[in-house]
């Protein structure tokens, strides 16, 4: 059975992540944090360049 995470509700996704071992959980959250930081930096940069 192949699991497609995109169609699962958020609480199910979190339940699946919670089943991972600690190192895998840390890796998942580092990836998410990195993508969020990158997105926030990009938005911040675009807004500040536009203000120049």
C-alpha atoms as a PDB file:
ATOM      1  CA  UNK A   1       0.000   0.000   0.000  1.00  0.00           C
ATOM      2  CA  UNK A   2       1.409   3.381  -0.998  1.00  0.00           C
ATOM      3  CA  UNK A   3       0.503   6.263   1.245  1.00  0.00           C
ATOM      4  CA  UNK A   4      -0.157   9.661  -0.302  1.00  0.00           C
ATOM      5  CA  UNK A   5       0.372  12.242   2.410  1.00  0.00           C
ATOM      6  CA  UNK A   6      -1.061  15.116   0.395  1.00  0.00           C
ATOM      7  CA  UNK A   7      -4.614  13.808   0.743  1.00  0.00           C
ATOM      8  CA  UNK A   8      -4.459  13.014   4.458  1.00  0.00           C
ATOM      9  CA  UNK A   9      -5.834  15.406   7.077  1.00  0.00           C
ATOM     10  CA  UNK A  10      -3.214  17.240   9.153  1.00  0.00           C
ATOM     11  CA  UNK A  11      -3.944  15.254  12.321  1.00  0.00           C
ATOM     12  CA  UNK A  12      -3.247  12.005  10.445  1.00  0.00           C
ATOM     13  CA  UNK A  13       0.008  13.413   9.075  1.00  0.00           C
ATOM     14  CA  UNK A  14       1.082  14.387  12.582  1.00  0.00           C
ATOM     15  CA  UNK A  15       0.157  10.941  13.903  1.00  0.00           C
ATOM     16  CA  UNK A  16       2.352   9.334  11.243  1.00  0.00           C
ATOM     17  CA  UNK A  17       5.256  11.673  12.009  1.00  0.00           C
ATOM     18  CA  UNK A  18       4.865  10.866  15.700  1.00  0.00           C
ATOM     19  CA  UNK A  19       5.448   7.173  14.904  1.00  0.00           C
ATOM     20  CA  UNK A  20       8.927   7.896  13.532  1.00  0.00           C
ATOM     21  CA  UNK A  21      12.040   7.500  15.662  1.00  0.00           C
ATOM     22  CA  UNK A  22      13.456  10.678  17.198  1.00  0.00           C
ATOM     23  CA  UNK A  23      16.185  11.205  14.600  1.00  0.00           C
ATOM     24  CA  UNK A  24      13.711  10.941  11.736  1.00  0.00           C
ATOM     25  CA  UNK A  25      11.324  13.359  13.478  1.00  0.00           C
ATOM     26  CA  UNK A  26      14.157  15.842  13.924  1.00  0.00           C
ATOM     27  CA  UNK A  27      15.046  15.530  10.238  1.00  0.00           C
ATOM     28  CA  UNK A  28      11.442  16.144   9.144  1.00  0.00           C
ATOM     29  CA  UNK A  29      11.128  19.218  11.367  1.00  0.00           C
ATOM     30  CA  UNK A  30      14.504  20.601  10.244  1.00  0.00           C
ATOM     31  CA  UNK A  31      13.331  20.351   6.640  1.00  0.00           C
ATOM     32  CA  UNK A  32      10.037  22.079   7.443  1.00  0.00           C
ATOM     33  CA  UNK A  33      11.749  24.818   9.473  1.00  0.00           C
ATOM     34  CA  UNK A  34      14.265  25.383   6.688  1.00  0.00           C
ATOM     35  CA  UNK A  35      11.554  25.737   4.073  1.00  0.00           C
ATOM     36  CA  UNK A  36       9.559  28.128   6.262  1.00  0.00           C
ATOM     37  CA  UNK A  37      12.649  30.224   7.009  1.00  0.00           C
ATOM     38  CA  UNK A  38      13.550  30.347   3.328  1.00  0.00           C
ATOM     39  CA  UNK A  39      10.027  31.445   2.423  1.00  0.00           C
ATOM     40  CA  UNK A  40       9.941  34.118   5.139  1.00  0.00           C
ATOM     41  CA  UNK A  41      13.352  35.438   4.085  1.00  0.00           C
ATOM     42  CA  UNK A  42      12.274  35.563   0.451  1.00  0.00           C
ATOM     43  CA  UNK A  43       9.113  37.517   1.362  1.00  0.00           C
ATOM     44  CA  UNK A  44      11.081  39.868   3.619  1.00  0.00           C
ATOM     45  CA  UNK A  45      13.710  40.458   0.937  1.00  0.00           C
ATOM     46  CA  UNK A  46      11.123  41.124  -1.782  1.00  0.00           C
ATOM     47  CA  UNK A  47       9.226  43.610   0.403  1.00  0.00           C
ATOM     48  CA  UNK A  48      12.381  45.491   1.375  1.00  0.00           C
ATOM     49  CA  UNK A  49      13.781  45.623  -2.152  1.00  0.00           C
ATOM     50  CA  UNK A  50      10.430  46.929  -3.382  1.00  0.00           C
ATOM     51  CA  UNK A  51      10.612  49.699  -0.779  1.00  0.00           C
ATOM     52  CA  UNK A  52      13.943  50.996  -2.152  1.00  0.00           C
END
